[in-house]
Amino acid sequence: MNGEKRRQEILEYIRRSPEPVSGTKLAQRFQVSRQVIVQDIALLRAQKQDILSTHRGYVFHAPVFASRVFYVCHKDSEILEELNLIVDCGGKVEDVFIRHEVYGQLRADLSVDSRKKAAEFVRGIQGGQSSPLKNITSGYHYHTVLADSEQTLDEIAEELFKRGFLAEAGTKIS
């Protein structure tokens, strides 16, 4: 097998894997040295393939294909539950924003894509240094949520609805 064909097969193997793939596993699978795998990954990255190296192996970083803004409302004590619900369904909470009658739109970047980041955000709020942006508008606020597909966003909407977090049943903005 020539190098170009091997690189394409490595890329497909990493893309299809549900978990990170170690360089050792790739080397065994393609019957080459681990150093060849490292070089192949470098060449794939040079071709703009979004392959990430983690401590557990290589993963293909799937691009975001869909985004949706959800209009939600909840108590401060439910912030972590809301963020975890979204990331557990496969979403990334890109931001939070409100529409204020005097100040207009006020937005803050969040980039919450894991339970860990959700917990860190909530700890920061609970630290007392500031209060959630949503408190300015009596709990009502918006989140831009990114996901790999419209289907994932639909699942997130369904879960937000079930939990009673959607401000208006079925509200889907943009």
C-alpha atoms as a PDB file:
ATOM      1  CA  MET A   1       0.000   0.000   0.000  1.00  0.00           C
ATOM      2  CA  ASN A   2       1.432   3.384  -0.950  1.00  0.00           C
ATOM      3  CA  GLY A   3       1.656   6.315   1.477  1.00  0.00           C
ATOM      4  CA  GLU A   4      -1.260   8.323   0.060  1.00  0.00           C
ATOM      5  CA  LYS A   5      -3.634   5.352   0.197  1.00  0.00           C
ATOM      6  CA  ARG A   6      -2.478   4.529   3.743  1.00  0.00           C
ATOM      7  CA  ARG A   7      -3.080   8.124   4.881  1.00  0.00           C
ATOM      8  CA  GLN A   8      -6.605   8.085   3.459  1.00  0.00           C
ATOM      9  CA  GLU A   9      -7.330   4.796   5.235  1.00  0.00           C
ATOM     10  CA  ILE A  10      -5.852   6.148   8.484  1.00  0.00           C
ATOM     11  CA  LEU A  11      -8.102   9.195   8.184  1.00  0.00           C
ATOM     12  CA  GLU A  12     -11.189   7.037   7.627  1.00  0.00           C
ATOM     13  CA  TYR A  13     -10.237   4.738  10.500  1.00  0.00           C
ATOM     14  CA  ILE A  14      -9.891   7.684  12.911  1.00  0.00           C
ATOM     15  CA  ARG A  15     -13.124   9.292  11.620  1.00  0.00           C
ATOM     16  CA  ARG A  16     -15.140   6.120  12.181  1.00  0.00           C
ATOM     17  CA  SER A  17     -13.695   5.278  15.572  1.00  0.00           C
ATOM     18  CA  PRO A  18     -16.031   6.078  18.496  1.00  0.00           C
ATOM     19  CA  GLU A  19     -12.990   6.581  20.742  1.00  0.00           C
ATOM     20  CA  PRO A  20      -9.436   7.946  20.390  1.00  0.00           C
ATOM     21  CA  VAL A  21      -7.075   5.701  18.393  1.00  0.00           C
ATOM     22  CA  SER A  22      -3.520   5.313  19.681  1.00  0.00           C
ATOM     23  CA  GLY A  23      -0.527   5.626  17.376  1.00  0.00           C
ATOM     24  CA  THR A  24       0.496   2.123  18.403  1.00  0.00           C
ATOM     25  CA  LYS A  25      -2.874   0.709  17.353  1.00  0.00           C
ATOM     26  CA  LEU A  26      -2.646   2.504  14.003  1.00  0.00           C
ATOM     27  CA  ALA A  27       0.910   1.238  13.484  1.00  0.00           C
ATOM     28  CA  GLN A  28      -0.212  -2.343  14.124  1.00  0.00           C
ATOM     29  CA  ARG A  29      -3.307  -1.994  11.939  1.00  0.00           C
ATOM     30  CA  PHE A  30      -1.365  -0.583   8.972  1.00  0.00           C
ATOM     31  CA  GLN A  31       1.827  -2.604   9.574  1.00  0.00           C
ATOM     32  CA  VAL A  32       4.165   0.373   9.787  1.00  0.00           C
ATOM     33  CA  SER A  33       6.212   1.933  12.577  1.00  0.00           C
ATOM     34  CA  ARG A  34       4.707   4.399  15.000  1.00  0.00           C
ATOM     35  CA  GLN A  35       7.063   7.045  13.568  1.00  0.00           C
ATOM     36  CA  VAL A  36       5.471   6.552  10.122  1.00  0.00           C
ATOM     37  CA  ILE A  37       2.044   7.106  11.718  1.00  0.00           C
ATOM     38  CA  VAL A  38       3.264  10.352  13.331  1.00  0.00           C
ATOM     39  CA  GLN A  39       4.539  11.527   9.931  1.00  0.00           C
ATOM     40  CA  ASP A  40       1.291  10.490   8.212  1.00  0.00           C
ATOM     41  CA  ILE A  41      -0.771  12.420  10.787  1.00  0.00           C
ATOM     42  CA  ALA A  42       1.434  15.481  10.215  1.00  0.00           C
ATOM     43  CA  LEU A  43       0.868  15.215   6.454  1.00  0.00           C
ATOM     44  CA  LEU A  44      -2.903  14.833   6.938  1.00  0.00           C
ATOM     45  CA  ARG A  45      -2.935  17.922   9.145  1.00  0.00           C
ATOM     46  CA  ALA A  46      -1.008  19.801   6.448  1.00  0.00           C
ATOM     47  CA  GLN A  47      -3.902  18.895   4.140  1.00  0.00           C
ATOM     48  CA  LYS A  48      -6.222  20.687   6.621  1.00  0.00           C
ATOM     49  CA  GLN A  49      -7.608  17.484   8.148  1.00  0.00           C
ATOM     50  CA  ASP A  50      -8.717  18.352  11.685  1.00  0.00           C
ATOM     51  CA  ILE A  51      -7.049  15.539  13.631  1.00  0.00           C
ATOM     52  CA  LEU A  52      -6.450  16.183  17.314  1.00  0.00           C
ATOM     53  CA  SER A  53      -3.861  14.455  19.481  1.00  0.00           C
ATOM     54  CA  THR A  54      -5.059  13.553  22.965  1.00  0.00           C
ATOM     55  CA  HIS A  55      -3.385  11.613  25.751  1.00  0.00           C
ATOM     56  CA  ARG A  56      -5.532   8.625  24.713  1.00  0.00           C
ATOM     57  CA  GLY A  57      -4.852   8.832  20.977  1.00  0.00           C
ATOM     58  CA  TYR A  58      -5.918  10.571  17.791  1.00  0.00           C
ATOM     59  CA  VAL A  59      -9.460  11.845  17.220  1.00  0.00           C
ATOM     60  CA  PHE A  60     -11.078  13.462  14.230  1.00  0.00           C
ATOM     61  CA  HIS A  61     -12.608  16.775  15.199  1.00  0.00           C
ATOM     62  CA  ALA A  62     -15.954  16.844  13.435  1.00  0.00           C
ATOM     63  CA  PRO A  63     -16.887  20.321  12.252  1.00  0.00           C
ATOM     64  CA  VAL A  64     -20.060  21.933  13.484  1.00  0.00           C
ATOM     65  CA  PHE A  65     -22.775  21.737  10.862  1.00  0.00           C
ATOM     66  CA  ALA A  66     -25.700  23.271  12.683  1.00  0.00           C
ATOM     67  CA  SER A  67     -26.559  26.015  15.155  1.00  0.00           C
ATOM     68  CA  ARG A  68     -29.733  27.198  16.780  1.00  0.00           C
ATOM     69  CA  VAL A  69     -30.705  29.863  19.272  1.00  0.00           C
ATOM     70  CA  PHE A  70     -32.900  28.678  22.144  1.00  0.00           C
ATOM     71  CA  TYR A  71     -35.002  31.045  24.235  1.00  0.00           C
ATOM     72  CA  VAL A  72     -34.998  29.685  27.775  1.00  0.00           C
ATOM     73  CA  CYS A  73     -35.888  30.559  31.345  1.00  0.00           C
ATOM     74  CA  HIS A  74     -34.907  28.964  34.654  1.00  0.00           C
ATOM     75  CA  LYS A  75     -33.700  29.655  38.194  1.00  0.00           C
ATOM     76  CA  ASP A  76     -30.058  30.186  39.163  1.00  0.00           C
ATOM     77  CA  SER A  77     -30.099  26.800  40.873  1.00  0.00           C
ATOM     78  CA  GLU A  78     -30.881  25.164  37.494  1.00  0.00           C
ATOM     79  CA  ILE A  79     -28.002  26.635  35.460  1.00  0.00           C
ATOM     80  CA  LEU A  80     -25.804  23.548  35.793  1.00  0.00           C
ATOM     81  CA  GLU A  81     -28.697  21.232  34.943  1.00  0.00           C
ATOM     82  CA  GLU A  82     -29.475  23.254  31.806  1.00  0.00           C
ATOM     83  CA  LEU A  83     -25.865  23.323  30.588  1.00  0.00           C
ATOM     84  CA  ASN A  84     -25.335  19.618  31.338  1.00  0.00           C
ATOM     85  CA  LEU A  85     -28.545  18.737  29.501  1.00  0.00           C
ATOM     86  CA  ILE A  86     -27.282  20.502  26.381  1.00  0.00           C
ATOM     87  CA  VAL A  87     -23.768  19.023  26.407  1.00  0.00           C
ATOM     88  CA  ASP A  88     -25.072  15.550  27.292  1.00  0.00           C
ATOM     89  CA  CYS A  89     -27.191  15.664  24.137  1.00  0.00           C
ATOM     90  CA  GLY A  90     -24.119  16.561  22.058  1.00  0.00           C
ATOM     91  CA  GLY A  91     -24.384  20.346  21.942  1.00  0.00           C
ATOM     92  CA  LYS A  92     -21.966  23.155  22.672  1.00  0.00           C
ATOM     93  CA  VAL A  93     -23.319  26.258  24.430  1.00  0.00           C
ATOM     94  CA  GLU A  94     -21.549  28.964  22.478  1.00  0.00           C
ATOM     95  CA  ASP A  95     -22.937  31.973  24.346  1.00  0.00           C
ATOM     96  CA  VAL A  96     -25.649  33.481  26.479  1.00  0.00           C
ATOM     97  CA  PHE A  97     -27.421  36.700  25.587  1.00  0.00           C
ATOM     98  CA  ILE A  98     -30.377  38.813  26.578  1.00  0.00           C
ATOM     99  CA  ARG A  99     -32.393  41.502  24.874  1.00  0.00           C
ATOM    100  CA  HIS A 100     -32.717  44.461  27.190  1.00  0.00           C
ATOM    101  CA  GLU A 101     -35.230  47.217  26.471  1.00  0.00           C
ATOM    102  CA  VAL A 102     -32.705  49.979  27.176  1.00  0.00           C
ATOM    103  CA  TYR A 103     -29.276  48.465  26.500  1.00  0.00           C
ATOM    104  CA  GLY A 104     -30.257  46.269  23.573  1.00  0.00           C
ATOM    105  CA  GLN A 105     -28.561  42.900  23.165  1.00  0.00           C
ATOM    106  CA  LEU A 106     -26.000  41.932  25.801  1.00  0.00           C
ATOM    107  CA  ARG A 107     -23.926  38.824  25.052  1.00  0.00           C
ATOM    108  CA  ALA A 108     -21.256  36.759  26.809  1.00  0.00           C
ATOM    109  CA  ASP A 109     -19.215  33.947  25.265  1.00  0.00           C
ATOM    110  CA  LEU A 110     -19.413  30.634  27.131  1.00  0.00           C
ATOM    111  CA  SER A 111     -17.942  27.873  24.900  1.00  0.00           C
ATOM    112  CA  VAL A 112     -19.303  25.166  27.221  1.00  0.00           C
ATOM    113  CA  ASP A 113     -18.949  21.775  25.559  1.00  0.00           C
ATOM    114  CA  SER A 114     -18.468  19.460  28.540  1.00  0.00           C
ATOM    115  CA  ARG A 115     -19.751  18.837  32.054  1.00  0.00           C
ATOM    116  CA  LYS A 116     -16.376  19.994  33.363  1.00  0.00           C
ATOM    117  CA  LYS A 117     -16.652  23.381  31.647  1.00  0.00           C
ATOM    118  CA  ALA A 118     -20.277  23.685  32.805  1.00  0.00           C
ATOM    119  CA  ALA A 119     -19.222  23.053  36.407  1.00  0.00           C
ATOM    120  CA  GLU A 120     -16.355  25.564  36.110  1.00  0.00           C
ATOM    121  CA  PHE A 121     -18.745  28.205  34.783  1.00  0.00           C
ATOM    122  CA  VAL A 122     -21.239  27.617  37.604  1.00  0.00           C
ATOM    123  CA  ARG A 123     -18.445  27.717  40.221  1.00  0.00           C
ATOM    124  CA  GLY A 124     -17.405  31.100  38.823  1.00  0.00           C
ATOM    125  CA  ILE A 125     -20.958  32.411  39.141  1.00  0.00           C
ATOM    126  CA  GLN A 126     -21.405  30.938  42.621  1.00  0.00           C
ATOM    127  CA  GLY A 127     -18.120  32.534  43.689  1.00  0.00           C
ATOM    128  CA  GLY A 128     -20.113  35.735  44.081  1.00  0.00           C
ATOM    129  CA  GLN A 129     -17.997  37.865  41.769  1.00  0.00           C
ATOM    130  CA  SER A 130     -20.989  38.461  39.511  1.00  0.00           C
ATOM    131  CA  SER A 131     -24.490  37.252  38.836  1.00  0.00           C
ATOM    132  CA  PRO A 132     -25.851  35.498  35.751  1.00  0.00           C
ATOM    133  CA  LEU A 133     -26.751  37.716  32.800  1.00  0.00           C
ATOM    134  CA  LYS A 134     -30.230  36.152  32.773  1.00  0.00           C
ATOM    135  CA  ASN A 135     -31.058  37.831  36.096  1.00  0.00           C
ATOM    136  CA  ILE A 136     -31.334  41.189  34.343  1.00  0.00           C
ATOM    137  CA  THR A 137     -34.379  39.866  32.439  1.00  0.00           C
ATOM    138  CA  SER A 138     -36.055  37.836  35.206  1.00  0.00           C
ATOM    139  CA  GLY A 139     -34.446  34.562  34.140  1.00  0.00           C
ATOM    140  CA  TYR A 140     -35.255  34.841  30.421  1.00  0.00           C
ATOM    141  CA  HIS A 141     -32.263  34.509  28.105  1.00  0.00           C
ATOM    142  CA  TYR A 142     -30.971  32.975  24.875  1.00  0.00           C
ATOM    143  CA  HIS A 143     -28.258  30.442  24.132  1.00  0.00           C
ATOM    144  CA  THR A 144     -26.622  29.868  20.777  1.00  0.00           C
ATOM    145  CA  VAL A 145     -26.067  26.117  20.636  1.00  0.00           C
ATOM    146  CA  LEU A 146     -23.798  24.380  18.128  1.00  0.00           C
ATOM    147  CA  ALA A 147     -24.083  20.706  17.174  1.00  0.00           C
ATOM    148  CA  ASP A 148     -23.113  18.208  14.508  1.00  0.00           C
ATOM    149  CA  SER A 149     -26.605  18.097  12.990  1.00  0.00           C
ATOM    150  CA  GLU A 150     -30.133  19.493  13.035  1.00  0.00           C
ATOM    151  CA  GLN A 151     -31.239  16.174  14.522  1.00  0.00           C
ATOM    152  CA  THR A 152     -28.998  16.758  17.557  1.00  0.00           C
ATOM    153  CA  LEU A 153     -30.448  20.255  17.930  1.00  0.00           C
ATOM    154  CA  ASP A 154     -33.962  18.800  17.736  1.00  0.00           C
ATOM    155  CA  GLU A 155     -33.053  16.352  20.530  1.00  0.00           C
ATOM    156  CA  ILE A 156     -31.730  19.236  22.629  1.00  0.00           C
ATOM    157  CA  ALA A 157     -34.947  21.202  22.021  1.00  0.00           C
ATOM    158  CA  GLU A 158     -37.015  18.191  23.055  1.00  0.00           C
ATOM    159  CA  GLU A 159     -35.050  17.739  26.280  1.00  0.00           C
ATOM    160  CA  LEU A 160     -35.217  21.466  27.103  1.00  0.00           C
ATOM    161  CA  PHE A 161     -38.977  21.320  26.515  1.00  0.00           C
ATOM    162  CA  LYS A 162     -39.412  18.204  28.695  1.00  0.00           C
ATOM    163  CA  ARG A 163     -37.509  19.878  31.526  1.00  0.00           C
ATOM    164  CA  GLY A 164     -39.531  23.069  31.175  1.00  0.00           C
ATOM    165  CA  PHE A 165     -36.569  25.257  30.262  1.00  0.00           C
ATOM    166  CA  LEU A 166     -37.897  26.541  26.915  1.00  0.00           C
ATOM    167  CA  ALA A 167     -39.441  29.942  27.508  1.00  0.00           C
ATOM    168  CA  GLU A 168     -42.179  29.260  24.990  1.00  0.00           C
ATOM    169  CA  ALA A 169     -43.108  25.707  24.061  1.00  0.00           C
ATOM    170  CA  GLY A 170     -41.318  24.805  20.850  1.00  0.00           C
ATOM    171  CA  THR A 171     -39.591  28.162  20.526  1.00  0.00           C
ATOM    172  CA  LYS A 172     -36.987  27.885  17.818  1.00  0.00           C
ATOM    173  CA  ILE A 173     -35.192  31.078  16.856  1.00  0.00           C
ATOM    174  CA  SER A 174     -32.985  31.173  13.728  1.00  0.00           C
END
